[in-house]
Protein backbone atom coordinates (compact mmCIF):
# COMPACT_ATOMS: atom_id res chain seq x y z
CA MET A 1 127.59 163.47 97.31
CA SER A 2 125.85 162.93 100.69
CA ARG A 3 123.84 159.79 101.28
CA ARG A 4 120.07 160.29 100.98
CA VAL A 5 118.31 158.63 103.90
CA SER A 6 114.58 158.27 104.57
CA VAL A 7 113.84 157.67 108.26
CA ILE A 8 110.47 156.45 109.57
CA VAL A 9 110.09 156.58 113.36
CA ASN A 10 107.21 154.82 115.08
CA ALA A 11 105.82 157.25 117.66
CA GLY A 12 104.42 154.38 119.74
CA SER A 13 107.55 152.21 120.03
CA GLY A 14 109.34 151.66 123.32
CA LEU A 15 108.55 154.41 125.82
CA GLY A 16 107.22 156.64 123.05
CA ASN A 17 109.06 158.79 120.51
CA ASP A 18 108.44 162.49 119.97
CA SER A 19 109.58 165.64 118.18
CA ALA A 20 112.57 165.99 120.53
CA LEU A 21 113.90 162.65 119.30
CA ILE A 22 113.33 163.72 115.70
CA GLU A 23 115.45 166.84 116.23
CA ARG A 24 118.20 164.78 117.86
CA LEU A 25 118.20 162.34 114.93
CA ARG A 26 118.29 165.23 112.46
CA ALA A 27 121.40 166.58 114.18
CA LEU A 28 123.07 163.15 114.22
CA PHE A 29 122.44 162.53 110.52
CA ASP A 30 123.65 166.04 109.66
CA ALA A 31 126.86 165.43 111.64
CA ALA A 32 127.34 162.10 109.80
CA GLY A 33 127.08 163.91 106.45
CA ALA A 34 123.71 162.48 105.38
CA ASN A 35 120.70 164.17 103.84
CA ALA A 36 117.94 162.71 106.03
CA ASP A 37 114.18 163.01 105.56
CA ILE A 38 112.71 162.05 108.96
CA ARG A 39 109.03 161.30 109.50
CA LEU A 40 107.19 160.45 112.74
CA ALA A 41 104.45 157.88 112.09
CA ARG A 42 101.58 157.02 114.41
CA GLY A 43 100.24 153.52 113.88
CA ALA A 44 100.59 150.82 111.25
CA ALA A 45 98.64 152.66 108.55
CA GLU A 46 100.87 155.75 108.77
CA ILE A 47 103.99 153.56 108.68
CA ARG A 48 102.78 151.83 105.49
CA THR A 49 102.00 155.19 103.87
CA ALA A 50 105.40 156.57 104.89
CA VAL A 51 107.21 153.55 103.41
CA GLU A 52 105.38 153.90 100.09
CA ALA A 53 106.25 157.59 99.95
CA ALA A 54 109.88 156.84 100.82
CA LEU A 55 110.18 154.22 98.08
CA ALA A 56 108.81 156.74 95.57
CA ARG A 57 111.66 159.12 96.51
CA ALA A 58 114.22 156.33 95.84
CA PRO A 59 116.61 157.09 98.73
CA ASP A 60 119.90 155.29 99.33
CA VAL A 61 118.59 153.79 102.60
CA ILE A 62 115.18 153.51 104.28
CA VAL A 63 115.42 153.43 108.07
CA ALA A 64 113.04 151.80 110.55
CA GLY A 65 113.04 153.58 113.90
CA GLY A 66 111.18 151.43 116.41
CA GLY A 67 110.85 147.91 117.72
CA ASP A 68 110.59 144.56 115.97
CA GLY A 69 107.06 145.23 114.68
CA THR A 70 108.18 148.46 113.00
CA VAL A 71 111.30 146.84 111.55
CA SER A 72 109.27 143.88 110.28
CA SER A 73 106.66 146.10 108.63
CA ILE A 74 109.27 148.16 106.77
CA ALA A 75 111.41 145.10 105.95
CA SER A 76 108.37 143.51 104.35
CA ALA A 77 108.09 146.45 101.93
CA LEU A 78 111.83 146.34 101.15
CA ALA A 79 112.13 142.56 100.63
CA GLY A 80 113.57 141.91 97.19
CA SER A 81 114.21 145.63 96.70
CA PRO A 82 117.65 147.12 95.95
CA VAL A 83 117.08 149.67 98.74
CA PRO A 84 118.71 148.52 102.01
CA LEU A 85 117.14 148.73 105.44
CA GLY A 86 118.68 150.76 108.24
CA VAL A 87 117.66 150.14 111.85
CA LEU A 88 117.35 152.42 114.86
CA ALA A 89 116.58 150.17 117.85
CA LEU A 90 113.91 152.27 119.55
CA GLY A 91 111.62 149.47 120.77
CA THR A 92 111.35 147.49 123.97
CA LEU A 93 113.20 144.28 123.04
CA ASN A 94 114.73 144.89 119.59
CA HIS A 95 115.41 141.21 118.84
CA PHE A 96 116.30 141.71 115.17
CA ALA A 97 118.68 144.57 115.90
CA ARG A 98 120.40 142.54 118.63
CA ASP A 99 120.78 139.40 116.50
CA ALA A 100 122.00 141.35 113.47
CA GLY A 101 124.56 143.32 115.47
CA VAL A 102 122.99 146.78 115.08
CA PRO A 103 124.42 149.20 117.70
CA ALA A 104 122.01 150.08 120.49
CA ASP A 105 123.18 153.70 120.90
CA LEU A 106 121.78 156.20 118.44
CA GLU A 107 125.05 157.84 117.39
CA SER A 108 126.66 154.52 116.41
CA ALA A 109 123.46 153.34 114.73
CA VAL A 110 123.28 156.51 112.61
CA GLN A 111 126.95 156.13 111.66
CA THR A 112 126.24 152.52 110.62
CA ILE A 113 123.35 153.62 108.41
CA VAL A 114 125.50 156.26 106.71
CA ASP A 115 128.80 154.41 106.19
CA GLY A 116 128.27 150.79 107.30
CA ARG A 117 128.37 147.77 105.05
CA ARG A 118 125.43 146.37 103.10
CA VAL A 119 124.66 142.78 104.14
CA GLU A 120 121.99 140.48 102.72
CA VAL A 121 119.98 138.45 105.24
CA ASP A 122 117.10 135.97 105.02
CA ILE A 123 113.44 136.67 105.57
CA ALA A 124 110.65 134.14 106.13
CA GLU A 125 107.01 134.00 105.12
CA VAL A 126 103.81 132.36 106.30
CA ASN A 127 101.07 132.40 103.65
CA GLY A 128 102.77 135.42 102.12
CA ARG A 129 103.11 137.34 105.42
CA VAL A 130 106.76 138.31 105.92
CA PHE A 131 108.52 137.96 109.26
CA ILE A 132 112.11 138.69 110.21
CA ASN A 133 112.23 136.98 113.61
CA ASN A 134 109.66 134.30 114.31
CA SER A 135 106.10 133.09 114.03
CA GLY A 136 104.00 131.07 116.45
CA LEU A 137 100.77 129.17 117.02
CA GLY A 138 99.00 128.23 120.21
CA LEU A 139 99.86 129.80 123.55
CA TYR A 140 101.88 132.79 122.36
CA PRO A 141 99.33 134.32 119.92
CA ASP A 142 96.68 133.67 122.57
CA ILE A 143 98.73 135.59 125.15
CA VAL A 144 99.42 138.48 122.75
CA ARG A 145 95.73 138.86 121.86
CA HIS A 146 94.67 138.96 125.51
CA ARG A 147 97.54 141.28 126.44
CA GLU A 148 96.41 143.79 123.80
CA ARG A 149 92.82 143.47 125.01
CA GLN A 150 93.88 144.26 128.58
CA GLN A 151 95.94 147.23 127.42
CA ARG A 152 92.95 148.64 125.53
CA ARG A 153 90.20 147.91 128.05
CA LEU A 154 92.01 148.14 131.38
CA GLY A 155 94.81 150.55 130.52
CA ARG A 156 97.48 148.20 131.86
CA GLY A 157 101.11 148.59 130.84
CA LYS A 158 102.62 146.12 128.39
CA TRP A 159 104.41 143.90 130.92
CA PRO A 160 101.65 143.75 133.60
CA ALA A 161 99.16 142.99 130.80
CA PHE A 162 101.47 140.27 129.46
CA PHE A 163 101.73 138.69 132.93
CA TRP A 164 97.97 138.50 133.47
CA ALA A 165 97.37 137.34 129.88
CA ALA A 166 99.91 134.53 130.36
CA LEU A 167 98.17 133.38 133.54
CA ALA A 168 94.81 133.37 131.75
CA ALA A 169 96.24 131.39 128.81
CA LEU A 170 97.78 128.78 131.10
CA ARG A 171 94.46 128.46 132.95
CA ARG A 172 92.65 127.70 129.65
CA TYR A 173 95.64 125.76 128.30
CA PRO A 174 94.30 124.97 124.81
CA PHE A 175 95.97 122.28 122.69
CA LEU A 176 96.49 122.29 118.95
CA HIS A 177 96.09 119.14 116.90
CA VAL A 178 98.33 119.69 113.88
CA ARG A 179 99.95 117.79 111.06
CA LEU A 180 103.41 119.12 110.30
CA VAL A 181 104.98 118.55 106.90
CA VAL A 182 108.65 119.38 107.35
CA ASP A 183 110.58 119.27 104.06
CA GLY A 184 108.11 116.64 102.84
CA LYS A 185 108.10 114.46 106.00
CA ASP A 186 104.90 114.16 108.05
CA ARG A 187 104.60 114.52 111.82
CA VAL A 188 101.38 114.62 113.84
CA ARG A 189 101.45 116.52 117.13
CA ARG A 190 99.11 117.51 119.94
CA THR A 191 100.82 120.53 121.40
CA PRO A 192 100.21 123.82 123.25
CA PHE A 193 102.54 125.71 120.93
CA VAL A 194 104.45 125.66 117.65
CA PHE A 195 107.35 128.11 117.12
CA ILE A 196 108.95 128.78 113.72
CA GLY A 197 112.09 130.88 113.48
CA ASN A 198 113.80 132.70 110.63
CA ASN A 199 117.10 130.78 110.94
CA GLU A 200 118.11 128.84 114.03
CA TYR A 201 117.45 130.03 117.57
CA ARG A 202 119.79 128.91 120.32
CA MET A 203 118.12 126.49 122.72
CA ASP A 204 120.99 125.98 125.13
CA GLY A 205 123.49 128.07 127.08
CA PHE A 206 123.10 131.62 128.35
CA ALA A 207 122.35 133.01 124.87
CA ILE A 208 119.10 131.01 124.61
CA GLY A 209 116.58 132.68 122.32
CA GLU A 210 119.24 134.40 120.22
CA ARG A 211 120.45 133.76 116.67
CA THR A 212 124.09 133.71 115.64
CA VAL A 213 123.43 133.77 111.88
CA LEU A 214 120.69 135.32 109.76
CA ASP A 215 121.70 134.06 106.31
CA ARG A 216 121.79 130.25 106.59
CA GLY A 217 118.65 129.84 104.44
CA ARG A 218 116.85 127.64 107.00
CA LEU A 219 113.71 127.79 109.06
CA SER A 220 113.79 126.43 112.60
CA LEU A 221 110.84 124.57 114.10
CA TYR A 222 110.24 123.99 117.82
CA VAL A 223 107.31 121.96 119.15
CA ALA A 224 106.36 120.81 122.64
CA GLN A 225 104.90 117.29 122.64
CA ARG A 226 101.72 116.86 124.73
CA PRO A 227 103.03 118.47 127.94
CA GLY A 228 100.67 119.17 130.81
CA ARG A 229 101.00 122.39 132.79
CA LEU A 230 103.69 120.89 135.03
CA LYS A 231 105.76 119.68 132.08
CA LEU A 232 105.34 123.05 130.40
CA LEU A 233 106.64 124.69 133.57
CA MET A 234 109.62 122.32 133.48
CA LEU A 235 110.25 123.33 129.86
CA ALA A 236 110.22 126.97 130.93
CA LEU A 237 112.70 126.22 133.73
CA ARG A 238 114.97 124.40 131.29
CA ALA A 239 114.77 127.43 129.00
CA LEU A 240 115.76 129.74 131.85
CA THR A 241 118.74 127.51 132.71
CA GLY A 242 119.81 127.07 129.08
CA ARG A 243 118.97 123.36 128.82
CA LEU A 244 115.85 123.39 126.66
CA ARG A 245 117.29 121.25 123.86
CA GLN A 246 117.83 118.41 126.36
CA ALA A 247 114.11 118.08 127.10
CA ARG A 248 112.59 114.79 125.91
CA ASP A 249 109.19 116.35 125.19
CA PHE A 250 110.61 119.06 122.95
CA ASP A 251 111.29 118.75 119.20
CA ALA A 252 113.76 121.02 117.42
CA MET A 253 114.14 120.74 113.64
CA GLY A 254 115.46 122.69 110.66
CA ALA A 255 113.80 122.99 107.26
CA THR A 256 113.44 125.13 104.16
CA GLU A 257 109.66 124.60 103.91
CA ILE A 258 107.06 123.78 106.56
CA VAL A 259 103.35 123.15 106.08
CA ILE A 260 101.02 123.10 109.08
CA GLU A 261 97.60 121.51 108.62
CA SER A 262 94.70 121.65 111.07
CA ARG A 263 91.03 120.74 111.19
CA ARG A 264 90.27 124.24 112.45
CA LYS A 265 88.89 126.66 109.89
CA ARG A 266 91.00 129.54 111.22
CA LEU A 267 94.18 129.73 113.29
CA HIS A 268 95.60 132.68 115.18
CA VAL A 269 99.18 133.15 113.98
CA SER A 270 101.79 135.51 115.39
CA ALA A 271 104.47 136.96 113.12
CA ASP A 272 107.02 139.23 114.82
CA GLY A 273 104.55 139.86 117.63
CA GLU A 274 101.61 140.79 115.39
CA VAL A 275 98.67 138.35 115.48
CA THR A 276 96.48 137.63 112.47
CA SER A 277 93.85 135.01 111.70
CA MET A 278 94.78 132.67 108.84
CA THR A 279 93.13 129.80 107.01
CA PRO A 280 95.15 126.56 107.14
CA PRO A 281 97.18 125.03 105.71
CA LEU A 282 99.91 127.44 106.83
CA ARG A 283 102.79 127.42 104.36
CA TYR A 284 106.12 128.61 105.71
CA ARG A 285 109.11 129.24 103.50
CA ILE A 286 112.50 130.90 103.73
CA ARG A 287 113.63 133.55 101.23
CA PRO A 288 117.43 133.41 101.30
CA ARG A 289 119.21 136.79 101.42
CA ALA A 290 116.12 138.67 100.26
CA LEU A 291 116.67 141.70 102.51
CA ALA A 292 119.64 144.08 102.42
CA VAL A 293 120.53 145.63 105.79
CA MET A 294 123.11 148.24 106.76
CA LEU A 295 125.38 146.82 109.49
CA PRO A 296 128.64 147.87 111.12
CA ASP A 297 131.80 146.80 109.31
CA ARG A 298 132.71 144.61 112.29
CA ALA A 299 129.26 143.00 112.65
CA ARG A 300 129.09 139.22 112.58
CA GLU A 301 132.58 138.62 111.18
CA SER A 302 132.13 134.91 111.82
CA GLY A 303 128.45 134.82 110.82
CA ILE A 304 126.61 137.05 108.40
């Protein structure tokens, strides 16, 4: 009996996906011996509707075709479900696909979805909002919000908009005054950013910003301590040269639960690149092996 696969492709991911891609995917799934229902979704609302419809059909696999935002949205619906997630890396950066070992080329990715192995990985939450990669406060959500504003109002591309938004954020350079409760231990920080990862991110070497495991059951927390613009620039240079962990003004910790308290009534919080406004305290937790993912048989033999 052929595997029943429900594929949801985000039309806006990467350089844009269209009907030609859908036909190519249909041919690849047919060649792999799968019965694939493929839908092209435009925007977050259509993706949510498509996921609900797919779950009602009870397929063997539900596939996210897009970038990290698309994968995160569909993974959120599948968390705790017996239905595994398949991934087609059709976005710009595809961090989750890279860290999990999902093939970048479509033919290999389709083959993985059809006859790969089912692997359980961790997901994380902040105030109930699921994320598969990371969450942040401070500079990064500020940059994302202004980048999106420039894209809408000025019609700039993603990367030019990101560049100008980053310059604007550094010019304002707002600080957060936060109380961090990390596995029950208090820390008070005045910082331009707080970064929380689903499992540990590498902070040294040439693979900085990557994860080697996705099932350790730990959150990672990274905080810059009171750096001015010059020190923040030095942190960025250390990151580029793979020596971030050596910085004296940079904290890196692991935890299973993190609470972030602030005097502010609302905080802008990024989760897998999507920014929302939340009321503190922010409660982060890890959900060990709550998401099943289809991966190649050879993927992460020494990790997940």
